[in-house]
Amino acid sequence: MSSFGIVIATCKTDSHYAQASFWSIRHFLGPDMPVCFIVDGDAALLGSVRNDPQVSVLDRNSVANTWLREHCFGWGTTKMIAFYEAPFERFLYLDADALVIGNVPAFDDPTADMVTDCGQSYSDQDINFWFFNTESVERLYPDFDWRRFRHSYFCTGTFFSRRGVSAWRISKKRCA
């Protein structure tokens, strides 16, 4: 297992984005950065990217854990496999439509299991647009005080984490 690499989740409808994400990694971070694709579907979707010696692929056939194989493929859940089966101790997770532009700082905070975006206070309108329908949440989960957590919501399309986390210590880095 490598100590650090980049994980990208993809499927048939966004594999062209995943390839662009990969090439942005190669352009800005060089040929030695290990990349793991978690593919919901056929790995052939990745085209020639699969031939790169620093690329590994996890798909439904190669995920070792039966429960993950049966429950964690699909929109919004495929990325969960990285927490358990990524080939890296620590990783940068990217949704397929994310590009790397510039250098990526090392994930070397030993006090954090996960590092997310800047952590801001979202308006009700932003929460409804980016995260969930607040009226539905209030109807389905009347005891959940979603307003209390408006500083804790973050984009799950880009984050640093470590494999095998059992207790979350999240560090939200403040923007400069």
Foldseek 3Di string as FASTA:
>chain_A
DAAEAAEEEDELVQLVLLLQQVVLCCVAVNLQGAYEYEYADDPCSNPCVVVRPRYHYHYLVRQPDPVCSPPQDDPPRSVVSCQADPPHQKYKYAYSNDHDDHDDDDPDDPQFQKEFEAFDQDDLVCCVVPPHNPVVCCVVPVPDPVNVCSRPDGDPRIMMGGHPDDDGDYDYHHDD
